[in-house]
Amino acid sequence: MAIVGYARVSSVGQSLDVQLDKLQHCDKIYQEKQSGTNQNRPQLAACLEYVREEDTLVVTRLDRLARSTLHLCQIADILKQKQVNLQVLDQNINTSDATGRLLFNMLGAIAQFETEIRAERQMDGINKAKERGVPFGRKKKMTTQQIEELQERRKSGTLIKTLMADYNLSKASVYRYLKK
């Protein structure tokens, strides 16, 4: 019956120290510096592989464990199949009892809601910036005149690789400009 900890921060510049301090009572701790949106989290996979029946997986917060409600439910399913309890320290959740399981599911849904609200606000901000004329995306490499010149040269038989070299463009970019 092991107590297994999992700690994660989103980027290399962040520190795991606060989480590791809270998890020091654990028998084994898995840790990684990976974005929550990254699907390739080898330490989480190793942790889920390691835990056994009657073990307890401990994390400091739900958002350190899963990237979405769906992902959280998938992890919960894995833990349930393996008969492993989940303890979330900061949110005082322990799935070893019915109340803890209820709270776990409610907080997972709320976390997903917050993520979706944040994404909506971000899109609102982007749309307002576009209305104000704020440019988005990469700056165009070629002027309208250069594009017309490129198209004329191609019509007269200039090879794609020559156009790539002359205009310092990739093959895909040359074809994209030729379509315009």
N, C-alpha and C. Protein backbone atom coordinates (compact mmCIF):
# COMPACT_ATOMS: atom_id res chain seq x y z
N MET A 1 0.85 -1.18 0.00
CA MET A 1 0.00 0.00 0.00
C MET A 1 0.89 1.24 0.00
N ALA A 2 1.30 1.70 -1.19
CA ALA A 2 2.23 2.82 -1.33
C ALA A 2 1.48 4.13 -1.50
N ILE A 3 2.13 5.20 -1.09
CA ILE A 3 1.64 6.55 -1.34
C ILE A 3 2.57 7.13 -2.40
N VAL A 4 1.99 7.39 -3.57
CA VAL A 4 2.77 7.83 -4.73
C VAL A 4 2.39 9.25 -5.08
N GLY A 5 3.38 10.13 -5.20
CA GLY A 5 3.13 11.52 -5.52
C GLY A 5 3.42 11.82 -6.98
N TYR A 6 2.70 12.82 -7.50
CA TYR A 6 2.98 13.29 -8.85
C TYR A 6 2.98 14.82 -8.82
N ALA A 7 4.05 15.42 -9.30
CA ALA A 7 4.19 16.88 -9.34
C ALA A 7 4.52 17.30 -10.76
N ARG A 8 3.92 18.42 -11.18
CA ARG A 8 4.18 18.92 -12.54
C ARG A 8 4.09 20.43 -12.55
N VAL A 9 5.02 21.05 -13.26
CA VAL A 9 4.93 22.47 -13.59
C VAL A 9 4.93 22.59 -15.10
N SER A 10 4.45 23.72 -15.59
CA SER A 10 4.24 23.88 -17.03
C SER A 10 5.49 24.21 -17.82
N SER A 11 6.46 24.83 -17.20
CA SER A 11 7.61 25.23 -18.01
C SER A 11 8.90 25.09 -17.22
N VAL A 12 9.99 25.13 -17.96
CA VAL A 12 11.32 24.94 -17.39
C VAL A 12 11.63 26.02 -16.35
N GLY A 13 11.11 27.23 -16.54
CA GLY A 13 11.39 28.33 -15.62
C GLY A 13 10.68 28.22 -14.29
N GLN A 14 9.68 27.35 -14.19
CA GLN A 14 8.93 27.22 -12.95
C GLN A 14 9.60 26.18 -12.05
N SER A 15 9.28 26.28 -10.75
CA SER A 15 9.90 25.39 -9.77
C SER A 15 8.89 24.39 -9.22
N LEU A 16 9.37 23.18 -9.02
CA LEU A 16 8.56 22.11 -8.42
C LEU A 16 8.63 22.12 -6.90
N ASP A 17 9.44 23.00 -6.33
CA ASP A 17 9.73 22.98 -4.90
C ASP A 17 8.49 22.99 -4.01
N VAL A 18 7.53 23.85 -4.28
CA VAL A 18 6.33 23.95 -3.44
C VAL A 18 5.56 22.62 -3.45
N GLN A 19 5.39 22.05 -4.63
CA GLN A 19 4.68 20.77 -4.73
C GLN A 19 5.46 19.65 -4.04
N LEU A 20 6.75 19.60 -4.29
CA LEU A 20 7.57 18.54 -3.71
C LEU A 20 7.58 18.62 -2.19
N ASP A 21 7.53 19.85 -1.66
CA ASP A 21 7.47 20.03 -0.21
C ASP A 21 6.18 19.44 0.35
N LYS A 22 5.07 19.64 -0.35
CA LYS A 22 3.78 19.10 0.09
C LYS A 22 3.70 17.58 -0.08
N LEU A 23 4.51 17.04 -0.98
CA LEU A 23 4.46 15.60 -1.28
C LEU A 23 5.56 14.80 -0.57
N GLN A 24 6.29 15.43 0.32
CA GLN A 24 7.44 14.75 0.92
C GLN A 24 7.06 13.52 1.75
N HIS A 25 5.79 13.38 2.13
CA HIS A 25 5.35 12.20 2.88
C HIS A 25 5.17 10.97 1.98
N CYS A 26 5.24 11.18 0.68
CA CYS A 26 5.01 10.09 -0.27
C CYS A 26 6.21 9.13 -0.31
N ASP A 27 5.90 7.86 -0.59
CA ASP A 27 6.94 6.84 -0.70
C ASP A 27 7.76 7.01 -1.99
N LYS A 28 7.10 7.47 -3.04
CA LYS A 28 7.74 7.64 -4.35
C LYS A 28 7.10 8.86 -4.99
N ILE A 29 7.90 9.67 -5.67
CA ILE A 29 7.38 10.88 -6.32
C ILE A 29 7.83 10.90 -7.78
N TYR A 30 6.86 11.10 -8.66
CA TYR A 30 7.14 11.32 -10.08
C TYR A 30 7.01 12.82 -10.32
N GLN A 31 7.93 13.37 -11.09
CA GLN A 31 7.89 14.81 -11.35
C GLN A 31 8.31 15.12 -12.78
N GLU A 32 7.69 16.18 -13.32
CA GLU A 32 8.09 16.59 -14.67
C GLU A 32 7.76 18.05 -14.92
N LYS A 33 8.45 18.59 -15.91
CA LYS A 33 8.22 19.96 -16.35
C LYS A 33 7.68 19.88 -17.76
N GLN A 34 6.37 19.84 -17.85
CA GLN A 34 5.67 19.69 -19.13
C GLN A 34 4.40 20.52 -19.09
N SER A 35 4.04 21.11 -20.20
CA SER A 35 2.77 21.82 -20.28
C SER A 35 1.63 20.82 -20.08
N GLY A 36 0.58 21.27 -19.40
CA GLY A 36 -0.58 20.41 -19.19
C GLY A 36 -1.26 20.02 -20.49
N THR A 37 -1.07 20.84 -21.51
CA THR A 37 -1.69 20.53 -22.80
C THR A 37 -0.88 19.53 -23.59
N ASN A 38 0.34 19.30 -23.18
CA ASN A 38 1.19 18.33 -23.87
C ASN A 38 0.69 16.92 -23.59
N GLN A 39 0.40 16.17 -24.63
CA GLN A 39 -0.11 14.82 -24.45
C GLN A 39 0.99 13.83 -24.08
N ASN A 40 2.23 14.19 -24.36
CA ASN A 40 3.34 13.31 -24.05
C ASN A 40 3.92 13.70 -22.69
N ARG A 41 3.42 13.06 -21.64
CA ARG A 41 3.91 13.30 -20.29
C ARG A 41 4.41 11.97 -19.73
N PRO A 42 5.68 11.65 -20.02
CA PRO A 42 6.21 10.33 -19.68
C PRO A 42 6.18 10.00 -18.19
N GLN A 43 6.39 10.99 -17.34
CA GLN A 43 6.38 10.71 -15.90
C GLN A 43 4.98 10.40 -15.40
N LEU A 44 3.97 11.06 -15.96
CA LEU A 44 2.59 10.74 -15.59
C LEU A 44 2.26 9.31 -16.04
N ALA A 45 2.66 8.97 -17.25
CA ALA A 45 2.42 7.61 -17.76
C ALA A 45 3.11 6.58 -16.88
N ALA A 46 4.35 6.87 -16.49
CA ALA A 46 5.10 5.95 -15.63
C ALA A 46 4.44 5.83 -14.26
N CYS A 47 3.95 6.93 -13.75
CA CYS A 47 3.27 6.95 -12.46
C CYS A 47 2.01 6.09 -12.50
N LEU A 48 1.20 6.28 -13.54
CA LEU A 48 -0.04 5.52 -13.67
C LEU A 48 0.24 4.04 -13.89
N GLU A 49 1.36 3.74 -14.53
CA GLU A 49 1.76 2.35 -14.73
C GLU A 49 2.22 1.73 -13.40
N TYR A 50 2.88 2.52 -12.59
CA TYR A 50 3.49 2.05 -11.34
C TYR A 50 2.45 1.72 -10.25
N VAL A 51 1.44 2.57 -10.10
CA VAL A 51 0.50 2.40 -8.98
C VAL A 51 -0.22 1.06 -9.04
N ARG A 52 -0.46 0.49 -7.86
CA ARG A 52 -1.08 -0.82 -7.72
C ARG A 52 -2.30 -0.73 -6.81
N GLU A 53 -3.05 -1.82 -6.75
CA GLU A 53 -4.23 -1.92 -5.91
C GLU A 53 -3.93 -1.47 -4.48
N GLU A 54 -4.81 -0.63 -3.97
CA GLU A 54 -4.76 -0.05 -2.61
C GLU A 54 -3.69 1.03 -2.44
N ASP A 55 -2.98 1.39 -3.50
CA ASP A 55 -2.07 2.55 -3.43
C ASP A 55 -2.90 3.82 -3.44
N THR A 56 -2.27 4.92 -3.11
CA THR A 56 -2.90 6.23 -3.19
C THR A 56 -2.01 7.14 -4.03
N LEU A 57 -2.59 7.73 -5.06
CA LEU A 57 -1.89 8.71 -5.87
C LEU A 57 -2.19 10.09 -5.28
N VAL A 58 -1.15 10.86 -4.98
CA VAL A 58 -1.31 12.15 -4.34
C VAL A 58 -0.79 13.25 -5.27
N VAL A 59 -1.63 14.28 -5.47
CA VAL A 59 -1.22 15.48 -6.21
C VAL A 59 -1.60 16.69 -5.37
N THR A 60 -0.97 17.82 -5.64
CA THR A 60 -1.30 19.00 -4.86
C THR A 60 -2.60 19.65 -5.33
N ARG A 61 -2.81 19.68 -6.66
CA ARG A 61 -4.04 20.26 -7.23
C ARG A 61 -4.44 19.45 -8.45
N LEU A 62 -5.72 19.46 -8.76
CA LEU A 62 -6.22 18.70 -9.93
C LEU A 62 -5.59 19.16 -11.23
N ASP A 63 -5.35 20.47 -11.37
CA ASP A 63 -4.80 20.97 -12.64
C ASP A 63 -3.35 20.53 -12.85
N ARG A 64 -2.69 20.01 -11.83
CA ARG A 64 -1.35 19.46 -11.98
C ARG A 64 -1.40 18.07 -12.59
N LEU A 65 -2.56 17.43 -12.49
CA LEU A 65 -2.71 16.05 -12.94
C LEU A 65 -3.23 15.95 -14.38
N ALA A 66 -4.31 16.67 -14.68
CA ALA A 66 -4.99 16.48 -15.97
C ALA A 66 -5.10 17.80 -16.72
N ARG A 67 -5.23 17.70 -18.05
CA ARG A 67 -5.32 18.90 -18.89
C ARG A 67 -6.75 19.29 -19.22
N SER A 68 -7.72 18.42 -18.93
CA SER A 68 -9.13 18.72 -19.20
C SER A 68 -9.99 17.78 -18.36
N THR A 69 -11.28 18.05 -18.34
CA THR A 69 -12.20 17.17 -17.62
C THR A 69 -12.17 15.77 -18.22
N LEU A 70 -12.14 15.70 -19.54
CA LEU A 70 -12.08 14.40 -20.21
C LEU A 70 -10.83 13.63 -19.78
N HIS A 71 -9.68 14.31 -19.80
CA HIS A 71 -8.43 13.67 -19.39
C HIS A 71 -8.50 13.25 -17.92
N LEU A 72 -9.08 14.10 -17.09
CA LEU A 72 -9.24 13.79 -15.68
C LEU A 72 -10.10 12.54 -15.49
N CYS A 73 -11.17 12.46 -16.26
CA CYS A 73 -12.05 11.28 -16.18
C CYS A 73 -11.32 10.02 -16.66
N GLN A 74 -10.48 10.16 -17.69
CA GLN A 74 -9.71 9.01 -18.17
C GLN A 74 -8.74 8.53 -17.10
N ILE A 75 -8.08 9.48 -16.44
CA ILE A 75 -7.15 9.11 -15.37
C ILE A 75 -7.92 8.48 -14.21
N ALA A 76 -9.06 9.07 -13.87
CA ALA A 76 -9.88 8.52 -12.79
C ALA A 76 -10.31 7.10 -13.12
N ASP A 77 -10.62 6.85 -14.38
CA ASP A 77 -11.03 5.52 -14.82
C ASP A 77 -9.88 4.51 -14.65
N ILE A 78 -8.68 4.93 -15.04
CA ILE A 78 -7.50 4.07 -14.88
C ILE A 78 -7.30 3.74 -13.40
N LEU A 79 -7.39 4.77 -12.57
CA LEU A 79 -7.18 4.57 -11.14
C LEU A 79 -8.27 3.66 -10.55
N LYS A 80 -9.50 3.84 -11.01
CA LYS A 80 -10.61 3.02 -10.51
C LYS A 80 -10.40 1.56 -10.89
N GLN A 81 -10.01 1.32 -12.15
CA GLN A 81 -9.76 -0.06 -12.60
C GLN A 81 -8.64 -0.72 -11.81
N LYS A 82 -7.64 0.08 -11.45
CA LYS A 82 -6.50 -0.47 -10.69
C LYS A 82 -6.77 -0.46 -9.19
N GLN A 83 -7.94 0.06 -8.79
CA GLN A 83 -8.33 0.18 -7.38
C GLN A 83 -7.32 1.02 -6.60
N VAL A 84 -7.00 2.18 -7.20
CA VAL A 84 -6.07 3.14 -6.60
C VAL A 84 -6.85 4.39 -6.22
N ASN A 85 -6.64 4.88 -5.00
CA ASN A 85 -7.31 6.10 -4.55
C ASN A 85 -6.53 7.32 -5.02
N LEU A 86 -7.24 8.43 -5.13
CA LEU A 86 -6.62 9.70 -5.50
C LEU A 86 -6.82 10.68 -4.36
N GLN A 87 -5.75 11.34 -3.99
CA GLN A 87 -5.83 12.37 -2.96
C GLN A 87 -5.31 13.67 -3.56
N VAL A 88 -6.11 14.73 -3.44
CA VAL A 88 -5.73 16.06 -3.94
C VAL A 88 -5.60 16.95 -2.71
N LEU A 89 -4.39 17.33 -2.38
CA LEU A 89 -4.11 18.00 -1.12
C LEU A 89 -4.77 19.38 -0.99
N ASP A 90 -4.53 20.28 -1.94
CA ASP A 90 -5.02 21.65 -1.82
C ASP A 90 -6.54 21.76 -1.87
N GLN A 91 -7.19 20.81 -2.51
CA GLN A 91 -8.64 20.84 -2.64
C GLN A 91 -9.32 19.85 -1.69
N ASN A 92 -8.52 19.24 -0.83
CA ASN A 92 -9.01 18.33 0.20
C ASN A 92 -9.95 17.26 -0.36
N ILE A 93 -9.47 16.58 -1.39
CA ILE A 93 -10.26 15.51 -2.02
C ILE A 93 -9.55 14.18 -1.76
N ASN A 94 -10.35 13.19 -1.41
CA ASN A 94 -9.82 11.83 -1.29
C ASN A 94 -10.89 10.89 -1.81
N THR A 95 -10.60 10.20 -2.90
CA THR A 95 -11.62 9.37 -3.55
C THR A 95 -11.83 8.02 -2.86
N SER A 96 -11.27 7.88 -1.68
CA SER A 96 -11.49 6.62 -0.95
C SER A 96 -12.90 6.56 -0.35
N ASP A 97 -13.63 7.69 -0.38
CA ASP A 97 -15.02 7.66 0.11
C ASP A 97 -15.95 8.35 -0.89
N ALA A 98 -17.25 8.16 -0.71
CA ALA A 98 -18.26 8.66 -1.65
C ALA A 98 -18.23 10.19 -1.75
N THR A 99 -18.06 10.86 -0.64
CA THR A 99 -18.03 12.33 -0.63
C THR A 99 -16.84 12.83 -1.44
N GLY A 100 -15.70 12.19 -1.27
CA GLY A 100 -14.51 12.57 -2.01
C GLY A 100 -14.67 12.37 -3.50
N ARG A 101 -15.33 11.26 -3.88
CA ARG A 101 -15.56 11.01 -5.31
C ARG A 101 -16.50 12.06 -5.90
N LEU A 102 -17.55 12.44 -5.15
CA LEU A 102 -18.48 13.47 -5.61
C LEU A 102 -17.75 14.79 -5.80
N LEU A 103 -16.99 15.19 -4.82
CA LEU A 103 -16.25 16.45 -4.88
C LEU A 103 -15.25 16.44 -6.03
N PHE A 104 -14.59 15.31 -6.23
CA PHE A 104 -13.64 15.15 -7.33
C PHE A 104 -14.31 15.43 -8.67
N ASN A 105 -15.47 14.82 -8.89
CA ASN A 105 -16.18 15.01 -10.16
C ASN A 105 -16.68 16.44 -10.33
N MET A 106 -17.16 17.05 -9.25
CA MET A 106 -17.65 18.44 -9.33
C MET A 106 -16.52 19.40 -9.64
N LEU A 107 -15.40 19.25 -8.96
CA LEU A 107 -14.27 20.14 -9.20
C LEU A 107 -13.69 19.96 -10.60
N GLY A 108 -13.70 18.74 -11.09
CA GLY A 108 -13.24 18.49 -12.46
C GLY A 108 -14.10 19.23 -13.47
N ALA A 109 -15.43 19.20 -13.26
CA ALA A 109 -16.35 19.90 -14.16
C ALA A 109 -16.15 21.41 -14.07
N ILE A 110 -15.95 21.92 -12.87
CA ILE A 110 -15.73 23.36 -12.69
C ILE A 110 -14.42 23.78 -13.35
N ALA A 111 -13.38 22.98 -13.21
CA ALA A 111 -12.09 23.30 -13.84
C ALA A 111 -12.23 23.37 -15.35
N GLN A 112 -12.99 22.45 -15.94
CA GLN A 112 -13.22 22.46 -17.38
C GLN A 112 -13.99 23.72 -17.79
N PHE A 113 -14.99 24.08 -16.98
CA PHE A 113 -15.78 25.28 -17.24
C PHE A 113 -14.87 26.51 -17.24
N GLU A 114 -13.98 26.61 -16.26
CA GLU A 114 -13.06 27.75 -16.18
C GLU A 114 -12.15 27.81 -17.41
N THR A 115 -11.69 26.67 -17.86
CA THR A 115 -10.83 26.61 -19.04
C THR A 115 -11.58 27.11 -20.27
N GLU A 116 -12.83 26.69 -20.42
CA GLU A 116 -13.63 27.12 -21.56
C GLU A 116 -13.95 28.61 -21.50
N ILE A 117 -14.23 29.13 -20.31
CA ILE A 117 -14.50 30.56 -20.14
C ILE A 117 -13.25 31.36 -20.50
N ARG A 118 -12.08 30.90 -20.06
CA ARG A 118 -10.82 31.57 -20.37
C ARG A 118 -10.60 31.61 -21.88
N ALA A 119 -10.89 30.50 -22.56
CA ALA A 119 -10.72 30.44 -24.02
C ALA A 119 -11.68 31.41 -24.72
N GLU A 120 -12.93 31.50 -24.21
CA GLU A 120 -13.89 32.45 -24.79
C GLU A 120 -13.42 33.88 -24.62
N ARG A 121 -12.90 34.21 -23.43
CA ARG A 121 -12.39 35.57 -23.20
C ARG A 121 -11.23 35.87 -24.13
N GLN A 122 -10.37 34.89 -24.33
CA GLN A 122 -9.23 35.07 -25.21
C GLN A 122 -9.70 35.35 -26.63
N MET A 123 -10.70 34.59 -27.10
CA MET A 123 -11.23 34.81 -28.45
C MET A 123 -11.88 36.19 -28.56
N ASP A 124 -12.60 36.62 -27.50
CA ASP A 124 -13.20 37.96 -27.50
C ASP A 124 -12.12 39.02 -27.66
N GLY A 125 -11.02 38.86 -26.92
CA GLY A 125 -9.92 39.81 -27.00
C GLY A 125 -9.29 39.83 -28.38
N ILE A 126 -9.13 38.67 -28.98
CA ILE A 126 -8.56 38.58 -30.33
C ILE A 126 -9.49 39.26 -31.34
N ASN A 127 -10.79 38.99 -31.24
CA ASN A 127 -11.75 39.60 -32.17
C ASN A 127 -11.78 41.11 -32.04
N LYS A 128 -11.73 41.63 -30.81
CA LYS A 128 -11.71 43.08 -30.60
C LYS A 128 -10.44 43.69 -31.17
N ALA A 129 -9.32 42.99 -31.00
CA ALA A 129 -8.06 43.49 -31.56
C ALA A 129 -8.12 43.52 -33.08
N LYS A 130 -8.72 42.49 -33.68
CA LYS A 130 -8.87 42.47 -35.14
C LYS A 130 -9.74 43.62 -35.62
N GLU A 131 -10.82 43.92 -34.87
CA GLU A 131 -11.70 45.05 -35.22
C GLU A 131 -10.93 46.37 -35.20
N ARG A 132 -9.97 46.49 -34.28
CA ARG A 132 -9.15 47.71 -34.17
C ARG A 132 -8.04 47.73 -35.21
N GLY A 133 -7.94 46.64 -36.00
CA GLY A 133 -6.94 46.58 -37.05
C GLY A 133 -5.58 46.06 -36.61
N VAL A 134 -5.51 45.44 -35.45
CA VAL A 134 -4.24 44.88 -35.00
C VAL A 134 -3.89 43.70 -35.90
N PRO A 135 -2.70 43.72 -36.50
CA PRO A 135 -2.34 42.64 -37.42
C PRO A 135 -2.01 41.35 -36.66
N PHE A 136 -2.45 40.23 -37.18
CA PHE A 136 -2.15 38.92 -36.61
C PHE A 136 -1.41 38.09 -37.64
N GLY A 137 -0.69 37.13 -37.16
CA GLY A 137 0.02 36.22 -38.06
C GLY A 137 1.36 36.78 -38.46
N ARG A 138 2.01 36.01 -39.26
CA ARG A 138 3.34 36.35 -39.72
C ARG A 138 3.28 37.46 -40.75
N LYS A 139 4.26 38.34 -40.73
CA LYS A 139 4.35 39.42 -41.70
C LYS A 139 4.63 38.83 -43.08
N LYS A 140 3.95 39.34 -44.10
CA LYS A 140 4.15 38.85 -45.47
C LYS A 140 5.57 39.12 -45.93
N LYS A 141 6.15 38.12 -46.59
CA LYS A 141 7.52 38.26 -47.08
C LYS A 141 7.57 39.05 -48.38
N MET A 142 6.49 39.03 -49.13
CA MET A 142 6.52 39.62 -50.46
C MET A 142 5.45 40.69 -50.62
N THR A 143 5.77 41.71 -51.40
CA THR A 143 4.80 42.75 -51.73
C THR A 143 3.92 42.26 -52.88
N THR A 144 2.85 42.98 -53.13
CA THR A 144 1.96 42.63 -54.23
C THR A 144 2.72 42.64 -55.55
N GLN A 145 3.60 43.60 -55.72
CA GLN A 145 4.40 43.70 -56.95
C GLN A 145 5.31 42.48 -57.11
N GLN A 146 5.94 42.03 -56.02
CA GLN A 146 6.81 40.86 -56.08
C GLN A 146 6.02 39.60 -56.41
N ILE A 147 4.82 39.50 -55.87
CA ILE A 147 3.97 38.34 -56.13
C ILE A 147 3.61 38.29 -57.61
N GLU A 148 3.23 39.43 -58.17
CA GLU A 148 2.88 39.49 -59.60
C GLU A 148 4.09 39.12 -60.46
N GLU A 149 5.26 39.60 -60.06
CA GLU A 149 6.50 39.29 -60.78
C GLU A 149 6.78 37.78 -60.73
N LEU A 150 6.63 37.18 -59.54
CA LEU A 150 6.84 35.75 -59.37
C LEU A 150 5.88 34.97 -60.28
N GLN A 151 4.62 35.37 -60.32
CA GLN A 151 3.61 34.69 -61.14
C GLN A 151 3.95 34.81 -62.63
N GLU A 152 4.39 35.96 -63.06
CA GLU A 152 4.76 36.17 -64.46
C GLU A 152 5.98 35.31 -64.84
N ARG A 153 6.94 35.27 -63.95
CA ARG A 153 8.14 34.46 -64.22
C ARG A 153 7.77 32.99 -64.35
N ARG A 154 6.86 32.52 -63.52
CA ARG A 154 6.45 31.12 -63.58
C ARG A 154 5.72 30.84 -64.89
N LYS A 155 4.85 31.78 -65.29
CA LYS A 155 4.12 31.61 -66.55
C LYS A 155 5.08 31.54 -67.74
N SER A 156 6.20 32.24 -67.61
CA SER A 156 7.17 32.23 -68.72
C SER A 156 8.13 31.03 -68.62
N GLY A 157 7.88 30.12 -67.65
CA GLY A 157 8.64 28.88 -67.62
C GLY A 157 9.74 28.78 -66.58
N THR A 158 9.89 29.76 -65.73
CA THR A 158 10.93 29.68 -64.69
C THR A 158 10.62 28.51 -63.76
N LEU A 159 11.64 27.75 -63.44
CA LEU A 159 11.48 26.58 -62.56
C LEU A 159 11.15 27.01 -61.12
N ILE A 160 10.40 26.15 -60.43
CA ILE A 160 10.02 26.41 -59.04
C ILE A 160 11.26 26.57 -58.17
N LYS A 161 12.25 25.70 -58.38
CA LYS A 161 13.45 25.77 -57.54
C LYS A 161 14.22 27.08 -57.76
N THR A 162 14.14 27.62 -58.96
CA THR A 162 14.77 28.91 -59.25
C THR A 162 14.03 30.03 -58.52
N LEU A 163 12.69 29.96 -58.56
CA LEU A 163 11.88 30.96 -57.85
C LEU A 163 12.14 30.87 -56.34
N MET A 164 12.28 29.65 -55.84
CA MET A 164 12.56 29.46 -54.41
C MET A 164 13.87 30.17 -54.04
N ALA A 165 14.87 29.97 -54.83
CA ALA A 165 16.19 30.57 -54.56
C ALA A 165 16.16 32.09 -54.72
N ASP A 166 15.53 32.57 -55.81
CA ASP A 166 15.52 34.01 -56.09
C ASP A 166 14.74 34.81 -55.05
N TYR A 167 13.67 34.23 -54.53
CA TYR A 167 12.82 34.96 -53.58
C TYR A 167 13.00 34.48 -52.13
N ASN A 168 13.93 33.54 -51.95
CA ASN A 168 14.20 33.00 -50.61
C ASN A 168 12.92 32.47 -49.95
N LEU A 169 12.21 31.60 -50.68
CA LEU A 169 10.95 31.03 -50.21
C LEU A 169 11.03 29.51 -50.21
N SER A 170 10.17 28.91 -49.40
CA SER A 170 10.04 27.45 -49.45
C SER A 170 9.19 27.08 -50.65
N LYS A 171 9.21 25.81 -51.01
CA LYS A 171 8.41 25.33 -52.13
C LYS A 171 6.92 25.60 -51.87
N ALA A 172 6.47 25.34 -50.62
CA ALA A 172 5.06 25.55 -50.27
C ALA A 172 4.68 27.02 -50.41
N SER A 173 5.58 27.91 -50.01
CA SER A 173 5.29 29.35 -50.13
C SER A 173 5.19 29.79 -51.58
N VAL A 174 6.09 29.28 -52.42
CA VAL A 174 6.03 29.61 -53.85
C VAL A 174 4.67 29.21 -54.41
N TYR A 175 4.24 27.97 -54.14
CA TYR A 175 2.95 27.50 -54.65
C TYR A 175 1.79 28.31 -54.07
N ARG A 176 1.90 28.70 -52.82
CA ARG A 176 0.85 29.52 -52.20
C ARG A 176 0.74 30.87 -52.91
N TYR A 177 1.88 31.50 -53.20
CA TYR A 177 1.86 32.77 -53.92
C TYR A 177 1.38 32.62 -55.35
N LEU A 178 1.65 31.48 -55.97
CA LEU A 178 1.19 31.26 -57.34
C LEU A 178 -0.33 31.11 -57.40
N LYS A 179 -0.95 30.64 -56.33
CA LYS A 179 -2.41 30.48 -56.31
C LYS A 179 -3.15 31.80 -56.22
N LYS A 180 -2.49 32.81 -55.66
CA LYS A 180 -3.16 34.11 -55.44
C LYS A 180 -3.47 34.80 -56.74
